[in-house]
Structures are given as structure tokens and as C-alpha cells.
Amino acid sequence: MMNLSNQQLKIKPNILRLFPYLVFGSLVFHLNSMLSVNYLVKGYLVLLESQIGLVILYFLARYLKHKYNNK
């Protein structure tokens, strides 16, 4: 096994990377709480919006990272 006692974990907390996901999650929660439909439909919409939104956020973050790292 690998000896991890002499290695340091290099974790840099960065709130800016978490911010788009927090905004998206609160937006999904707000939009779905305003609907007056069945709970099963709300659950399905939450799953659908989450999947689509996370894919969009991933590609947007990838595009912006590539754009600003090349300058």
C-alpha cells in the first residue's frame, strides 16, 4: 500500500467554482416550488433540469477556462 503519511493533500477551496452550481440549484428550486403540479412530475422535472443544467455548466466552465487560460 501507499504510504500517505508523508504526503500533503493540496486542496485549494475556491468558492467561485461552486458559485454557478449554487445559483443553478437555487434557480431550479425556486422554479419548481412555484409549480402546482403533482409531486411525481415535480421530481421528474428536478431530475431533468439538473441533468441538463449540469451539462451546460460543465461545457460553459470548460469553454471559459480554455478562453481565459490562453491569454
PDB file of N, CA and C in Angstrom:
ATOM      1  N   MET A   1       0.833  -1.186   0.000  1.00  0.00           N
ATOM      2  CA  MET A   1       0.000   0.000   0.000  1.00  0.00           C
ATOM      3  C   MET A   1       0.878   1.249   0.000  1.00  0.00           C
ATOM      4  N   MET A   2       0.274   2.306  -0.406  1.00  0.00           N
ATOM      5  CA  MET A   2       0.985   3.560  -0.491  1.00  0.00           C
ATOM      6  C   MET A   2       1.016   4.235   0.883  1.00  0.00           C
ATOM      7  N   ASN A   3       2.145   4.806   1.231  1.00  0.00           N
ATOM      8  CA  ASN A   3       2.273   5.497   2.500  1.00  0.00           C
ATOM      9  C   ASN A   3       1.839   6.953   2.314  1.00  0.00           C
ATOM     10  N   LEU A   4       0.692   7.305   2.870  1.00  0.00           N
ATOM     11  CA  LEU A   4       0.155   8.649   2.700  1.00  0.00           C
ATOM     12  C   LEU A   4       0.518   9.590   3.839  1.00  0.00           C
ATOM     13  N   SER A   5       1.220   9.084   4.842  1.00  0.00           N
ATOM     14  CA  SER A   5       1.515   9.931   5.995  1.00  0.00           C
ATOM     15  C   SER A   5       2.511  11.041   5.674  1.00  0.00           C
ATOM     16  N   ASN A   6       3.368  10.844   4.696  1.00  0.00           N
ATOM     17  CA  ASN A   6       4.357  11.864   4.378  1.00  0.00           C
ATOM     18  C   ASN A   6       3.953  12.729   3.188  1.00  0.00           C
ATOM     19  N   GLN A   7       2.749  12.520   2.671  1.00  0.00           N
ATOM     20  CA  GLN A   7       2.277  13.319   1.549  1.00  0.00           C
ATOM     21  C   GLN A   7       1.250  14.318   2.045  1.00  0.00           C
ATOM     22  N   GLN A   8       1.272  15.490   1.456  1.00  0.00           N
ATOM     23  CA  GLN A   8       0.312  16.516   1.821  1.00  0.00           C
ATOM     24  C   GLN A   8      -0.760  16.599   0.738  1.00  0.00           C
ATOM     25  N   LEU A   9      -1.995  16.758   1.188  1.00  0.00           N
ATOM     26  CA  LEU A   9      -3.073  16.962   0.246  1.00  0.00           C
ATOM     27  C   LEU A   9      -3.104  18.420  -0.162  1.00  0.00           C
ATOM     28  N   LYS A  10      -3.135  18.664  -1.436  1.00  0.00           N
ATOM     29  CA  LYS A  10      -3.145  20.035  -1.938  1.00  0.00           C
ATOM     30  C   LYS A  10      -4.549  20.371  -2.418  1.00  0.00           C
ATOM     31  N   ILE A  11      -5.367  20.826  -1.494  1.00  0.00           N
ATOM     32  CA  ILE A  11      -6.744  21.188  -1.811  1.00  0.00           C
ATOM     33  C   ILE A  11      -6.882  22.689  -1.644  1.00  0.00           C
ATOM     34  N   LYS A  12      -7.279  23.346  -2.719  1.00  0.00           N
ATOM     35  CA  LYS A  12      -7.477  24.788  -2.674  1.00  0.00           C
ATOM     36  C   LYS A  12      -8.968  25.076  -2.764  1.00  0.00           C
ATOM     37  N   PRO A  13      -9.576  25.477  -1.659  1.00  0.00           N
ATOM     38  CA  PRO A  13     -11.004  25.792  -1.741  1.00  0.00           C
ATOM     39  C   PRO A  13     -11.219  27.058  -2.564  1.00  0.00           C
ATOM     40  N   ASN A  14     -12.108  26.972  -3.493  1.00  0.00           N
ATOM     41  CA  ASN A  14     -12.374  28.102  -4.360  1.00  0.00           C
ATOM     42  C   ASN A  14     -13.880  28.262  -4.486  1.00  0.00           C
ATOM     43  N   ILE A  15     -14.408  29.263  -3.816  1.00  0.00           N
ATOM     44  CA  ILE A  15     -15.848  29.467  -3.784  1.00  0.00           C
ATOM     45  C   ILE A  15     -16.391  29.872  -5.147  1.00  0.00           C
ATOM     46  N   LEU A  16     -15.572  30.434  -5.994  1.00  0.00           N
ATOM     47  CA  LEU A  16     -16.049  30.852  -7.312  1.00  0.00           C
ATOM     48  C   LEU A  16     -16.382  29.672  -8.210  1.00  0.00           C
ATOM     49  N   ARG A  17     -15.744  28.537  -7.978  1.00  0.00           N
ATOM     50  CA  ARG A  17     -16.077  27.351  -8.765  1.00  0.00           C
ATOM     51  C   ARG A  17     -17.403  26.752  -8.319  1.00  0.00           C
ATOM     52  N   LEU A  18     -17.772  26.987  -7.073  1.00  0.00           N
ATOM     53  CA  LEU A  18     -19.016  26.458  -6.533  1.00  0.00           C
ATOM     54  C   LEU A  18     -20.200  27.374  -6.799  1.00  0.00           C
ATOM     55  N   PHE A  19     -19.937  28.644  -7.031  1.00  0.00           N
ATOM     56  CA  PHE A  19     -20.994  29.646  -7.186  1.00  0.00           C
ATOM     57  C   PHE A  19     -21.993  29.344  -8.303  1.00  0.00           C
ATOM     58  N   PRO A  20     -21.581  28.977  -9.529  1.00  0.00           N
ATOM     59  CA  PRO A  20     -22.575  28.692 -10.576  1.00  0.00           C
ATOM     60  C   PRO A  20     -23.509  27.542 -10.214  1.00  0.00           C
ATOM     61  N   TYR A  21     -22.996  26.537  -9.520  1.00  0.00           N
ATOM     62  CA  TYR A  21     -23.834  25.413  -9.131  1.00  0.00           C
ATOM     63  C   TYR A  21     -24.831  25.816  -8.050  1.00  0.00           C
ATOM     64  N   LEU A  22     -24.423  26.694  -7.141  1.00  0.00           N
ATOM     65  CA  LEU A  22     -25.340  27.194  -6.122  1.00  0.00           C
ATOM     66  C   LEU A  22     -26.453  28.037  -6.735  1.00  0.00           C
ATOM     67  N   VAL A  23     -26.088  28.874  -7.684  1.00  0.00           N
ATOM     68  CA  VAL A  23     -27.091  29.704  -8.359  1.00  0.00           C
ATOM     69  C   VAL A  23     -28.057  28.824  -9.146  1.00  0.00           C
ATOM     70  N   PHE A  24     -27.528  27.851  -9.858  1.00  0.00           N
ATOM     71  CA  PHE A  24     -28.379  26.955 -10.639  1.00  0.00           C
ATOM     72  C   PHE A  24     -29.307  26.151  -9.735  1.00  0.00           C
ATOM     73  N   GLY A  25     -28.793  25.643  -8.628  1.00  0.00           N
ATOM     74  CA  GLY A  25     -29.617  24.863  -7.714  1.00  0.00           C
ATOM     75  C   GLY A  25     -30.733  25.686  -7.103  1.00  0.00           C
ATOM     76  N   SER A  26     -30.424  26.918  -6.711  1.00  0.00           N
ATOM     77  CA  SER A  26     -31.470  27.767  -6.145  1.00  0.00           C
ATOM     78  C   SER A  26     -32.497  28.168  -7.204  1.00  0.00           C
ATOM     79  N   LEU A  27     -32.066  28.350  -8.440  1.00  0.00           N
ATOM     80  CA  LEU A  27     -32.998  28.665  -9.522  1.00  0.00           C
ATOM     81  C   LEU A  27     -33.942  27.498  -9.799  1.00  0.00           C
ATOM     82  N   VAL A  28     -33.409  26.281  -9.833  1.00  0.00           N
ATOM     83  CA  VAL A  28     -34.243  25.094 -10.042  1.00  0.00           C
ATOM     84  C   VAL A  28     -35.219  24.937  -8.888  1.00  0.00           C
ATOM     85  N   PHE A  29     -34.745  25.133  -7.672  1.00  0.00           N
ATOM     86  CA  PHE A  29     -35.628  25.011  -6.509  1.00  0.00           C
ATOM     87  C   PHE A  29     -36.741  26.056  -6.560  1.00  0.00           C
ATOM     88  N   HIS A  30     -36.390  27.279  -6.904  1.00  0.00           N
ATOM     89  CA  HIS A  30     -37.390  28.357  -6.955  1.00  0.00           C
ATOM     90  C   HIS A  30     -38.427  28.106  -8.047  1.00  0.00           C
ATOM     91  N   LEU A  31     -37.980  27.721  -9.222  1.00  0.00           N
ATOM     92  CA  LEU A  31     -38.918  27.477 -10.327  1.00  0.00           C
ATOM     93  C   LEU A  31     -39.846  26.303 -10.041  1.00  0.00           C
ATOM     94  N   ASN A  32     -39.329  25.262  -9.419  1.00  0.00           N
ATOM     95  CA  ASN A  32     -40.160  24.097  -9.146  1.00  0.00           C
ATOM     96  C   ASN A  32     -41.072  24.313  -7.945  1.00  0.00           C
ATOM     97  N   SER A  33     -40.717  25.182  -7.027  1.00  0.00           N
ATOM     98  CA  SER A  33     -41.600  25.434  -5.893  1.00  0.00           C
ATOM     99  C   SER A  33     -42.788  26.297  -6.304  1.00  0.00           C
ATOM    100  N   MET A  34     -42.695  27.010  -7.418  1.00  0.00           N
ATOM    101  CA  MET A  34     -43.802  27.830  -7.889  1.00  0.00           C
ATOM    102  C   MET A  34     -44.839  27.009  -8.663  1.00  0.00           C
ATOM    103  N   LEU A  35     -44.470  25.825  -9.121  1.00  0.00           N
ATOM    104  CA  LEU A  35     -45.389  24.996  -9.893  1.00  0.00           C
ATOM    105  C   LEU A  35     -46.435  24.349  -8.985  1.00  0.00           C
ATOM    106  N   SER A  36     -47.634  24.202  -9.507  1.00  0.00           N
ATOM    107  CA  SER A  36     -48.665  23.493  -8.758  1.00  0.00           C
ATOM    108  C   SER A  36     -49.064  22.241  -9.540  1.00  0.00           C
ATOM    109  N   VAL A  37     -48.142  21.292  -9.579  1.00  0.00           N
ATOM    110  CA  VAL A  37     -48.381  20.030 -10.274  1.00  0.00           C
ATOM    111  C   VAL A  37     -48.118  18.887  -9.288  1.00  0.00           C
ATOM    112  N   ASN A  38     -48.335  17.697  -9.749  1.00  0.00           N
ATOM    113  CA  ASN A  38     -48.139  16.501  -8.946  1.00  0.00           C
ATOM    114  C   ASN A  38     -46.676  16.391  -8.486  1.00  0.00           C
ATOM    115  N   TYR A  39     -46.456  15.756  -7.325  1.00  0.00           N
ATOM    116  CA  TYR A  39     -45.097  15.612  -6.799  1.00  0.00           C
ATOM    117  C   TYR A  39     -44.221  14.738  -7.679  1.00  0.00           C
ATOM    118  N   LEU A  40     -44.803  13.777  -8.337  1.00  0.00           N
ATOM    119  CA  LEU A  40     -44.015  12.939  -9.240  1.00  0.00           C
ATOM    120  C   LEU A  40     -43.524  13.749 -10.438  1.00  0.00           C
ATOM    121  N   VAL A  41     -44.367  14.634 -10.947  1.00  0.00           N
ATOM    122  CA  VAL A  41     -43.967  15.486 -12.069  1.00  0.00           C
ATOM    123  C   VAL A  41     -42.887  16.459 -11.616  1.00  0.00           C
ATOM    124  N   LYS A  42     -43.035  17.008 -10.417  1.00  0.00           N
ATOM    125  CA  LYS A  42     -42.002  17.913  -9.890  1.00  0.00           C
ATOM    126  C   LYS A  42     -40.662  17.194  -9.751  1.00  0.00           C
ATOM    127  N   GLY A  43     -40.703  15.968  -9.233  1.00  0.00           N
ATOM    128  CA  GLY A  43     -39.469  15.195  -9.087  1.00  0.00           C
ATOM    129  C   GLY A  43     -38.817  14.911 -10.423  1.00  0.00           C
ATOM    130  N   TYR A  44     -39.628  14.565 -11.403  1.00  0.00           N
ATOM    131  CA  TYR A  44     -39.100  14.303 -12.743  1.00  0.00           C
ATOM    132  C   TYR A  44     -38.492  15.571 -13.337  1.00  0.00           C
ATOM    133  N   LEU A  45     -39.154  16.714 -13.151  1.00  0.00           N
ATOM    134  CA  LEU A  45     -38.627  17.975 -13.664  1.00  0.00           C
ATOM    135  C   LEU A  45     -37.316  18.358 -12.992  1.00  0.00           C
ATOM    136  N   VAL A  46     -37.218  18.109 -11.697  1.00  0.00           N
ATOM    137  CA  VAL A  46     -35.971  18.419 -10.986  1.00  0.00           C
ATOM    138  C   VAL A  46     -34.822  17.587 -11.555  1.00  0.00           C
ATOM    139  N   LEU A  47     -35.063  16.302 -11.757  1.00  0.00           N
ATOM    140  CA  LEU A  47     -34.014  15.443 -12.316  1.00  0.00           C
ATOM    141  C   LEU A  47     -33.628  15.865 -13.726  1.00  0.00           C
ATOM    142  N   LEU A  48     -34.617  16.187 -14.527  1.00  0.00           N
ATOM    143  CA  LEU A  48     -34.353  16.597 -15.903  1.00  0.00           C
ATOM    144  C   LEU A  48     -33.604  17.922 -15.954  1.00  0.00           C
ATOM    145  N   GLU A  49     -34.050  18.907 -15.165  1.00  0.00           N
ATOM    146  CA  GLU A  49     -33.378  20.207 -15.155  1.00  0.00           C
ATOM    147  C   GLU A  49     -31.968  20.097 -14.595  1.00  0.00           C
ATOM    148  N   SER A  50     -31.777  19.248 -13.610  1.00  0.00           N
ATOM    149  CA  SER A  50     -30.445  19.088 -13.028  1.00  0.00           C
ATOM    150  C   SER A  50     -29.471  18.498 -14.031  1.00  0.00           C
ATOM    151  N   GLN A  51     -29.904  17.473 -14.733  1.00  0.00           N
ATOM    152  CA  GLN A  51     -29.020  16.859 -15.717  1.00  0.00           C
ATOM    153  C   GLN A  51     -28.648  17.834 -16.830  1.00  0.00           C
ATOM    154  N   ILE A  52     -29.630  18.500 -17.369  1.00  0.00           N
ATOM    155  CA  ILE A  52     -29.373  19.446 -18.455  1.00  0.00           C
ATOM    156  C   ILE A  52     -28.513  20.615 -17.966  1.00  0.00           C
ATOM    157  N   GLY A  53     -28.843  21.132 -16.803  1.00  0.00           N
ATOM    158  CA  GLY A  53     -28.111  22.273 -16.267  1.00  0.00           C
ATOM    159  C   GLY A  53     -26.666  21.953 -15.942  1.00  0.00           C
ATOM    160  N   LEU A  54     -26.405  20.780 -15.381  1.00  0.00           N
ATOM    161  CA  LEU A  54     -25.029  20.416 -15.061  1.00  0.00           C
ATOM    162  C   LEU A  54     -24.190  20.224 -16.314  1.00  0.00           C
ATOM    163  N   VAL A  55     -24.780  19.678 -17.348  1.00  0.00           N
ATOM    164  CA  VAL A  55     -24.052  19.524 -18.621  1.00  0.00           C
ATOM    165  C   VAL A  55     -23.735  20.897 -19.212  1.00  0.00           C
ATOM    166  N   ILE A  56     -24.703  21.806 -19.174  1.00  0.00           N
ATOM    167  CA  ILE A  56     -24.480  23.156 -19.697  1.00  0.00           C
ATOM    168  C   ILE A  56     -23.417  23.881 -18.880  1.00  0.00           C
ATOM    169  N   LEU A  57     -23.490  23.782 -17.550  1.00  0.00           N
ATOM    170  CA  LEU A  57     -22.477  24.424 -16.702  1.00  0.00           C
ATOM    171  C   LEU A  57     -21.092  23.841 -16.934  1.00  0.00           C
ATOM    172  N   TYR A  58     -21.012  22.533 -17.149  1.00  0.00           N
ATOM    173  CA  TYR A  58     -19.723  21.908 -17.400  1.00  0.00           C
ATOM    174  C   TYR A  58     -19.081  22.453 -18.674  1.00  0.00           C
ATOM    175  N   PHE A  59     -19.860  22.486 -19.752  1.00  0.00           N
ATOM    176  CA  PHE A  59     -19.294  22.965 -21.013  1.00  0.00           C
ATOM    177  C   PHE A  59     -19.017  24.465 -20.980  1.00  0.00           C
ATOM    178  N   LEU A  60     -19.833  25.226 -20.270  1.00  0.00           N
ATOM    179  CA  LEU A  60     -19.575  26.658 -20.127  1.00  0.00           C
ATOM    180  C   LEU A  60     -18.298  26.907 -19.331  1.00  0.00           C
ATOM    181  N   ALA A  61     -18.108  26.185 -18.239  1.00  0.00           N
ATOM    182  CA  ALA A  61     -16.889  26.339 -17.440  1.00  0.00           C
ATOM    183  C   ALA A  61     -15.660  25.897 -18.231  1.00  0.00           C
ATOM    184  N   ARG A  62     -15.803  24.835 -18.989  1.00  0.00           N
ATOM    185  CA  ARG A  62     -14.690  24.359 -19.813  1.00  0.00           C
ATOM    186  C   ARG A  62     -14.320  25.387 -20.880  1.00  0.00           C
ATOM    187  N   TYR A  63     -15.342  25.984 -21.503  1.00  0.00           N
ATOM    188  CA  TYR A  63     -15.102  26.998 -22.534  1.00  0.00           C
ATOM    189  C   TYR A  63     -14.430  28.231 -21.928  1.00  0.00           C
ATOM    190  N   LEU A  64     -14.943  28.697 -20.794  1.00  0.00           N
ATOM    191  CA  LEU A  64     -14.363  29.902 -20.180  1.00  0.00           C
ATOM    192  C   LEU A  64     -12.958  29.638 -19.659  1.00  0.00           C
ATOM    193  N   LYS A  65     -12.712  28.457 -19.119  1.00  0.00           N
ATOM    194  CA  LYS A  65     -11.368  28.132 -18.645  1.00  0.00           C
ATOM    195  C   LYS A  65     -10.378  28.102 -19.803  1.00  0.00           C
ATOM    196  N   HIS A  66     -10.786  27.513 -20.912  1.00  0.00           N
ATOM    197  CA  HIS A  66      -9.924  27.455 -22.091  1.00  0.00           C
ATOM    198  C   HIS A  66      -9.690  28.853 -22.667  1.00  0.00           C
ATOM    199  N   LYS A  67     -10.728  29.665 -22.663  1.00  0.00           N
ATOM    200  CA  LYS A  67     -10.637  31.020 -23.239  1.00  0.00           C
ATOM    201  C   LYS A  67      -9.705  31.903 -22.427  1.00  0.00           C
ATOM    202  N   TYR A  68      -9.814  31.860 -21.096  1.00  0.00           N
ATOM    203  CA  TYR A  68      -9.031  32.763 -20.266  1.00  0.00           C
ATOM    204  C   TYR A  68      -7.653  32.224 -19.914  1.00  0.00           C
ATOM    205  N   ASN A  69      -7.400  30.945 -20.093  1.00  0.00           N
ATOM    206  CA  ASN A  69      -6.068  30.400 -19.851  1.00  0.00           C
ATOM    207  C   ASN A  69      -5.128  30.603 -21.029  1.00  0.00           C
ATOM    208  N   ASN A  70      -5.663  30.857 -22.213  1.00  0.00           N
ATOM    209  CA  ASN A  70      -4.835  31.062 -23.391  1.00  0.00           C
ATOM    210  C   ASN A  70      -4.369  32.508 -23.543  1.00  0.00           C
ATOM    211  N   LYS A  71      -4.882  33.414 -22.728  1.00  0.00           N
ATOM    212  CA  LYS A  71      -4.475  34.818 -22.872  1.00  0.00           C
ATOM    213  C   LYS A  71      -3.251  35.127 -22.065  1.00  0.00           C
TER     214      LYS A  71
END
